[in-house]
């Protein structure tokens, strides 16, 4: 009975994890360009320009995906001090999903004093 319960829990966890990661596959460049041209999302360049105003770093990786009908950029940045961070930007406006959740290295108006 314990084995059956453990197996059921494992299958449920596998099903839930597959649903959690049911995100749109990577879009071809021309599809992304159509989204930008139509005004559905901001370009990655625009979003990075906004981000550079308060978070200075080198872009390591960027992904665009849709989750719950919302487009977002998932960015991986290497900051000046060598820290690697993940940031999630709302692709419709190029802004972080939550200013409060930014790492301490990324605060509005702080980079000017460094």
C-alpha atoms as a PDB file:
ATOM      1  CA  UNK A   1       0.000   0.000   0.000  1.00  0.00           C
ATOM      2  CA  UNK A   2       2.851   2.407   0.817  1.00  0.00           C
ATOM      3  CA  UNK A   3       4.464   1.676  -2.541  1.00  0.00           C
ATOM      4  CA  UNK A   4       1.199   2.417  -4.349  1.00  0.00           C
ATOM      5  CA  UNK A   5       0.794   5.686  -2.421  1.00  0.00           C
ATOM      6  CA  UNK A   6       4.395   6.697  -3.144  1.00  0.00           C
ATOM      7  CA  UNK A   7       3.922   5.844  -6.832  1.00  0.00           C
ATOM      8  CA  UNK A   8       0.708   7.863  -6.986  1.00  0.00           C
ATOM      9  CA  UNK A   9       2.404  10.863  -5.367  1.00  0.00           C
ATOM     10  CA  UNK A  10       5.329  10.574  -7.802  1.00  0.00           C
ATOM     11  CA  UNK A  11       2.995  10.491 -10.802  1.00  0.00           C
ATOM     12  CA  UNK A  12       1.047  13.459  -9.467  1.00  0.00           C
ATOM     13  CA  UNK A  13       4.263  15.413  -8.915  1.00  0.00           C
ATOM     14  CA  UNK A  14       5.443  14.583 -12.427  1.00  0.00           C
ATOM     15  CA  UNK A  15       2.118  15.701 -13.907  1.00  0.00           C
ATOM     16  CA  UNK A  16       2.160  18.947 -11.930  1.00  0.00           C
ATOM     17  CA  UNK A  17       5.766  19.682 -12.853  1.00  0.00           C
ATOM     18  CA  UNK A  18       4.983  19.161 -16.530  1.00  0.00           C
ATOM     19  CA  UNK A  19       2.057  21.566 -16.240  1.00  0.00           C
ATOM     20  CA  UNK A  20       4.203  24.110 -14.428  1.00  0.00           C
ATOM     21  CA  UNK A  21       6.668  24.141 -17.288  1.00  0.00           C
ATOM     22  CA  UNK A  22       4.038  24.224 -20.023  1.00  0.00           C
ATOM     23  CA  UNK A  23       5.413  27.447 -21.432  1.00  0.00           C
ATOM     24  CA  UNK A  24       5.407  28.459 -25.052  1.00  0.00           C
ATOM     25  CA  UNK A  25       8.387  27.096 -26.937  1.00  0.00           C
ATOM     26  CA  UNK A  26      11.050  29.495 -28.152  1.00  0.00           C
ATOM     27  CA  UNK A  27       9.645  31.628 -30.939  1.00  0.00           C
ATOM     28  CA  UNK A  28      11.363  32.094 -34.278  1.00  0.00           C
ATOM     29  CA  UNK A  29      12.882  35.551 -34.756  1.00  0.00           C
ATOM     30  CA  UNK A  30      10.276  36.589 -37.356  1.00  0.00           C
ATOM     31  CA  UNK A  31       7.432  35.797 -34.930  1.00  0.00           C
ATOM     32  CA  UNK A  32       9.069  37.885 -32.212  1.00  0.00           C
ATOM     33  CA  UNK A  33       9.510  40.714 -34.709  1.00  0.00           C
ATOM     34  CA  UNK A  34       5.785  40.544 -35.546  1.00  0.00           C
ATOM     35  CA  UNK A  35       4.931  40.883 -31.842  1.00  0.00           C
ATOM     36  CA  UNK A  36       7.205  43.916 -31.550  1.00  0.00           C
ATOM     37  CA  UNK A  37       5.910  45.500 -34.761  1.00  0.00           C
ATOM     38  CA  UNK A  38       2.280  45.000 -33.726  1.00  0.00           C
ATOM     39  CA  UNK A  39       2.967  46.642 -30.353  1.00  0.00           C
ATOM     40  CA  UNK A  40       2.142  43.496 -28.396  1.00  0.00           C
ATOM     41  CA  UNK A  41       5.578  43.538 -26.747  1.00  0.00           C
ATOM     42  CA  UNK A  42       8.579  45.849 -26.427  1.00  0.00           C
ATOM     43  CA  UNK A  43      11.808  44.800 -28.087  1.00  0.00           C
ATOM     44  CA  UNK A  44      14.541  43.233 -26.006  1.00  0.00           C
ATOM     45  CA  UNK A  45      16.815  46.181 -26.892  1.00  0.00           C
ATOM     46  CA  UNK A  46      14.244  48.644 -25.533  1.00  0.00           C
ATOM     47  CA  UNK A  47      13.820  46.585 -22.366  1.00  0.00           C
ATOM     48  CA  UNK A  48      17.590  46.360 -21.835  1.00  0.00           C
ATOM     49  CA  UNK A  49      17.925  50.126 -22.299  1.00  0.00           C
ATOM     50  CA  UNK A  50      15.353  50.686 -19.548  1.00  0.00           C
ATOM     51  CA  UNK A  51      17.035  48.114 -17.341  1.00  0.00           C
ATOM     52  CA  UNK A  52      20.455  49.731 -17.789  1.00  0.00           C
ATOM     53  CA  UNK A  53      19.160  52.855 -16.026  1.00  0.00           C
ATOM     54  CA  UNK A  54      19.255  51.028 -12.697  1.00  0.00           C
ATOM     55  CA  UNK A  55      20.946  47.666 -13.184  1.00  0.00           C
ATOM     56  CA  UNK A  56      24.310  47.561 -14.915  1.00  0.00           C
ATOM     57  CA  UNK A  57      25.451  44.186 -16.144  1.00  0.00           C
ATOM     58  CA  UNK A  58      26.293  41.954 -19.063  1.00  0.00           C
ATOM     59  CA  UNK A  59      23.476  39.980 -20.676  1.00  0.00           C
ATOM     60  CA  UNK A  60      24.266  36.271 -20.567  1.00  0.00           C
ATOM     61  CA  UNK A  61      20.953  34.844 -21.751  1.00  0.00           C
ATOM     62  CA  UNK A  62      17.472  36.032 -22.639  1.00  0.00           C
ATOM     63  CA  UNK A  63      14.272  34.157 -23.354  1.00  0.00           C
ATOM     64  CA  UNK A  64      10.841  35.375 -24.372  1.00  0.00           C
ATOM     65  CA  UNK A  65       7.875  33.293 -23.405  1.00  0.00           C
ATOM     66  CA  UNK A  66       4.189  33.527 -22.723  1.00  0.00           C
ATOM     67  CA  UNK A  67       2.717  32.371 -19.452  1.00  0.00           C
ATOM     68  CA  UNK A  68      -0.900  32.877 -18.451  1.00  0.00           C
ATOM     69  CA  UNK A  69      -1.436  35.090 -21.522  1.00  0.00           C
ATOM     70  CA  UNK A  70       1.378  37.425 -20.433  1.00  0.00           C
ATOM     71  CA  UNK A  71       4.590  37.881 -22.397  1.00  0.00           C
ATOM     72  CA  UNK A  72       7.758  38.121 -20.355  1.00  0.00           C
ATOM     73  CA  UNK A  73      11.489  38.175 -20.765  1.00  0.00           C
ATOM     74  CA  UNK A  74      13.582  35.910 -18.574  1.00  0.00           C
ATOM     75  CA  UNK A  75      17.041  37.466 -18.372  1.00  0.00           C
ATOM     76  CA  UNK A  76      20.269  36.207 -16.904  1.00  0.00           C
ATOM     77  CA  UNK A  77      22.764  38.998 -16.182  1.00  0.00           C
ATOM     78  CA  UNK A  78      26.302  39.061 -14.887  1.00  0.00           C
ATOM     79  CA  UNK A  79      26.684  42.154 -12.727  1.00  0.00           C
ATOM     80  CA  UNK A  80      29.855  44.228 -12.387  1.00  0.00           C
ATOM     81  CA  UNK A  81      30.870  42.503  -9.150  1.00  0.00           C
ATOM     82  CA  UNK A  82      30.526  39.080 -10.804  1.00  0.00           C
ATOM     83  CA  UNK A  83      27.136  38.090  -9.410  1.00  0.00           C
ATOM     84  CA  UNK A  84      24.841  36.296 -11.839  1.00  0.00           C
ATOM     85  CA  UNK A  85      21.180  37.139 -11.397  1.00  0.00           C
ATOM     86  CA  UNK A  86      17.854  36.315 -13.024  1.00  0.00           C
ATOM     87  CA  UNK A  87      15.360  39.044 -13.779  1.00  0.00           C
ATOM     88  CA  UNK A  88      11.891  38.760 -15.186  1.00  0.00           C
ATOM     89  CA  UNK A  89      10.616  41.645 -17.269  1.00  0.00           C
ATOM     90  CA  UNK A  90       7.095  42.270 -18.455  1.00  0.00           C
ATOM     91  CA  UNK A  91       7.628  42.206 -22.217  1.00  0.00           C
ATOM     92  CA  UNK A  92       4.629  44.469 -22.834  1.00  0.00           C
ATOM     93  CA  UNK A  93       6.285  47.445 -21.128  1.00  0.00           C
ATOM     94  CA  UNK A  94       9.926  46.400 -20.665  1.00  0.00           C
ATOM     95  CA  UNK A  95       9.802  46.848 -16.902  1.00  0.00           C
ATOM     96  CA  UNK A  96      10.613  44.373 -14.127  1.00  0.00           C
ATOM     97  CA  UNK A  97       7.599  42.467 -12.924  1.00  0.00           C
ATOM     98  CA  UNK A  98       8.266  43.697  -9.406  1.00  0.00           C
ATOM     99  CA  UNK A  99      10.613  46.534  -8.456  1.00  0.00           C
ATOM    100  CA  UNK A 100      10.529  45.273  -4.847  1.00  0.00           C
ATOM    101  CA  UNK A 101      12.056  41.948  -5.851  1.00  0.00           C
ATOM    102  CA  UNK A 102      15.094  43.388  -7.612  1.00  0.00           C
ATOM    103  CA  UNK A 103      18.457  42.356  -6.173  1.00  0.00           C
ATOM    104  CA  UNK A 104      20.225  44.952  -4.037  1.00  0.00           C
ATOM    105  CA  UNK A 105      22.638  45.625  -6.910  1.00  0.00           C
ATOM    106  CA  UNK A 106      19.710  46.809  -9.035  1.00  0.00           C
ATOM    107  CA  UNK A 107      17.929  49.748  -7.526  1.00  0.00           C
ATOM    108  CA  UNK A 108      16.562  52.770  -9.305  1.00  0.00           C
ATOM    109  CA  UNK A 109      18.939  55.754  -9.116  1.00  0.00           C
ATOM    110  CA  UNK A 110      21.607  53.862  -7.165  1.00  0.00           C
ATOM    111  CA  UNK A 111      23.980  53.094 -10.016  1.00  0.00           C
ATOM    112  CA  UNK A 112      24.819  56.796 -10.478  1.00  0.00           C
ATOM    113  CA  UNK A 113      26.674  56.829  -7.149  1.00  0.00           C
ATOM    114  CA  UNK A 114      28.815  53.755  -7.795  1.00  0.00           C
END
